[in-house]
Amino acid sequence: MNAALVKHASEIILNPSVLVNLVSRRVRQLNAEGGRNSQALLADRGNLSAADIALTELIEGKMSFDMPELIPLTRPNGKDKHRPKGWTTT
């Protein structure tokens, strides 16, 4: 992977885990069945690797993502090992 592309992409997507997941998923798409199922969204690929193509697509805005809204999870109260109302036993 080109370090300059990684640096530029990390300025767009601040979370490194999300960046890695996006790039790896796109690389898998580009490499699936020899690239017959998914073509690069770039006009000129040159001698770029699949990872560089994915990073360039991300930088040029040809690929995007939506972060889901975080919803806090709560646990039902299990005091005295009683089930909360509405829970049925199976």
C-alpha atoms as a PDB file:
ATOM      1  CA  MET A   1       0.000   0.000   0.000  1.00  0.00           C
ATOM      2  CA  ASN A   2       1.109   3.503  -0.739  1.00  0.00           C
ATOM      3  CA  ALA A   3       1.822   5.340   2.536  1.00  0.00           C
ATOM      4  CA  ALA A   4       0.765   8.697   1.091  1.00  0.00           C
ATOM      5  CA  LEU A   5      -2.646   7.264   0.122  1.00  0.00           C
ATOM      6  CA  VAL A   6      -3.092   5.752   3.587  1.00  0.00           C
ATOM      7  CA  LYS A   7      -2.259   9.088   5.227  1.00  0.00           C
ATOM      8  CA  HIS A   8      -4.666  11.007   2.998  1.00  0.00           C
ATOM      9  CA  ALA A   9      -7.449   8.458   3.541  1.00  0.00           C
ATOM     10  CA  SER A  10      -6.914   8.554   7.307  1.00  0.00           C
ATOM     11  CA  GLU A  11      -7.620  12.296   7.204  1.00  0.00           C
ATOM     12  CA  ILE A  12     -11.002  11.532   5.640  1.00  0.00           C
ATOM     13  CA  ILE A  13     -11.904   8.582   7.864  1.00  0.00           C
ATOM     14  CA  LEU A  14     -10.635   9.289  11.347  1.00  0.00           C
ATOM     15  CA  ASN A  15     -11.264   5.864  12.862  1.00  0.00           C
ATOM     16  CA  PRO A  16      -8.450   3.516  11.753  1.00  0.00           C
ATOM     17  CA  SER A  17     -10.580   0.416  12.350  1.00  0.00           C
ATOM     18  CA  VAL A  18     -13.282   1.698  10.015  1.00  0.00           C
ATOM     19  CA  LEU A  19     -10.671   2.590   7.408  1.00  0.00           C
ATOM     20  CA  VAL A  20      -9.129  -0.881   7.533  1.00  0.00           C
ATOM     21  CA  ASN A  21     -12.542  -2.539   7.270  1.00  0.00           C
ATOM     22  CA  LEU A  22     -13.601  -0.386   4.307  1.00  0.00           C
ATOM     23  CA  VAL A  23     -10.380  -0.944   2.393  1.00  0.00           C
ATOM     24  CA  SER A  24     -10.245  -4.681   3.096  1.00  0.00           C
ATOM     25  CA  ARG A  25     -13.870  -5.172   2.048  1.00  0.00           C
ATOM     26  CA  ARG A  26     -13.281  -3.256  -1.186  1.00  0.00           C
ATOM     27  CA  VAL A  27     -10.081  -5.221  -1.895  1.00  0.00           C
ATOM     28  CA  ARG A  28     -12.024  -8.471  -1.473  1.00  0.00           C
ATOM     29  CA  GLN A  29     -14.632  -7.163  -3.921  1.00  0.00           C
ATOM     30  CA  LEU A  30     -11.983  -6.198  -6.462  1.00  0.00           C
ATOM     31  CA  ASN A  31     -10.174  -9.541  -6.160  1.00  0.00           C
ATOM     32  CA  ALA A  32     -13.273 -11.758  -6.133  1.00  0.00           C
ATOM     33  CA  GLU A  33     -13.215 -14.188  -9.052  1.00  0.00           C
ATOM     34  CA  GLY A  34     -10.302 -12.429 -10.697  1.00  0.00           C
ATOM     35  CA  GLY A  35     -12.044  -9.053 -10.647  1.00  0.00           C
ATOM     36  CA  ARG A  36     -14.852 -10.126 -12.956  1.00  0.00           C
ATOM     37  CA  ASN A  37     -17.639  -9.225 -10.531  1.00  0.00           C
ATOM     38  CA  SER A  38     -16.493  -5.759  -9.492  1.00  0.00           C
ATOM     39  CA  GLN A  39     -14.581  -3.252 -11.569  1.00  0.00           C
ATOM     40  CA  ALA A  40     -12.578  -0.324 -10.267  1.00  0.00           C
ATOM     41  CA  LEU A  41     -14.392   3.002 -10.134  1.00  0.00           C
ATOM     42  CA  LEU A  42     -11.280   4.827 -11.393  1.00  0.00           C
ATOM     43  CA  ALA A  43     -10.829   6.026 -14.959  1.00  0.00           C
ATOM     44  CA  ASP A  44      -7.104   5.205 -15.011  1.00  0.00           C
ATOM     45  CA  ARG A  45      -5.902   2.374 -12.760  1.00  0.00           C
ATOM     46  CA  GLY A  46      -2.336   2.331 -14.024  1.00  0.00           C
ATOM     47  CA  ASN A  47      -0.228  -0.169 -12.078  1.00  0.00           C
ATOM     48  CA  LEU A  48      -2.071   0.295  -8.788  1.00  0.00           C
ATOM     49  CA  SER A  49      -2.648  -2.641  -6.459  1.00  0.00           C
ATOM     50  CA  ALA A  50      -6.155  -3.479  -5.283  1.00  0.00           C
ATOM     51  CA  ALA A  51      -5.482  -1.783  -1.925  1.00  0.00           C
ATOM     52  CA  ASP A  52      -4.260   1.392  -3.648  1.00  0.00           C
ATOM     53  CA  ILE A  53      -7.316   1.365  -5.896  1.00  0.00           C
ATOM     54  CA  ALA A  54      -9.596   1.071  -2.854  1.00  0.00           C
ATOM     55  CA  LEU A  55      -7.789   3.917  -1.075  1.00  0.00           C
ATOM     56  CA  THR A  56      -7.925   6.136  -4.175  1.00  0.00           C
ATOM     57  CA  GLU A  57     -11.657   5.458  -4.603  1.00  0.00           C
ATOM     58  CA  LEU A  58     -12.173   6.466  -0.996  1.00  0.00           C
ATOM     59  CA  ILE A  59     -10.086   9.641  -1.345  1.00  0.00           C
ATOM     60  CA  GLU A  60     -11.865  10.687  -4.555  1.00  0.00           C
ATOM     61  CA  GLY A  61     -15.276  10.235  -2.919  1.00  0.00           C
ATOM     62  CA  LYS A  62     -16.343   7.338  -5.120  1.00  0.00           C
ATOM     63  CA  MET A  63     -16.860   5.197  -2.046  1.00  0.00           C
ATOM     64  CA  SER A  64     -18.474   6.250   1.215  1.00  0.00           C
ATOM     65  CA  PHE A  65     -19.987   4.819   4.372  1.00  0.00           C
ATOM     66  CA  ASP A  66     -22.575   5.632   7.020  1.00  0.00           C
ATOM     67  CA  MET A  67     -21.884   5.196  10.704  1.00  0.00           C
ATOM     68  CA  PRO A  68     -24.914   3.804  12.536  1.00  0.00           C
ATOM     69  CA  GLU A  69     -26.296   5.723  15.462  1.00  0.00           C
ATOM     70  CA  LEU A  70     -25.048   4.313  18.743  1.00  0.00           C
ATOM     71  CA  ILE A  71     -27.861   3.130  20.977  1.00  0.00           C
ATOM     72  CA  PRO A  72     -27.059   2.496  24.622  1.00  0.00           C
ATOM     73  CA  LEU A  73     -27.948  -1.026  25.673  1.00  0.00           C
ATOM     74  CA  THR A  74     -29.596  -1.700  28.994  1.00  0.00           C
ATOM     75  CA  ARG A  75     -29.915  -4.957  30.840  1.00  0.00           C
ATOM     76  CA  PRO A  76     -33.159  -6.031  32.406  1.00  0.00           C
ATOM     77  CA  ASN A  77     -33.157  -6.102  36.165  1.00  0.00           C
ATOM     78  CA  GLY A  78     -32.560  -9.682  37.305  1.00  0.00           C
ATOM     79  CA  LYS A  79     -32.710  -9.275  41.063  1.00  0.00           C
ATOM     80  CA  ASP A  80     -33.662 -12.415  42.966  1.00  0.00           C
ATOM     81  CA  LYS A  81     -33.494 -14.366  39.698  1.00  0.00           C
ATOM     82  CA  HIS A  82     -36.983 -13.238  38.716  1.00  0.00           C
ATOM     83  CA  ARG A  83     -37.664 -12.603  35.070  1.00  0.00           C
ATOM     84  CA  PRO A  84     -38.866  -9.135  34.096  1.00  0.00           C
ATOM     85  CA  LYS A  85     -42.540  -8.771  33.177  1.00  0.00           C
ATOM     86  CA  GLY A  86     -43.277  -9.885  29.664  1.00  0.00           C
ATOM     87  CA  TRP A  87     -40.512 -12.489  29.525  1.00  0.00           C
ATOM     88  CA  THR A  88     -41.739 -15.997  28.973  1.00  0.00           C
ATOM     89  CA  THR A  89     -40.061 -19.243  29.868  1.00  0.00           C
ATOM     90  CA  THR A  90     -39.270 -21.682  27.106  1.00  0.00           C
END
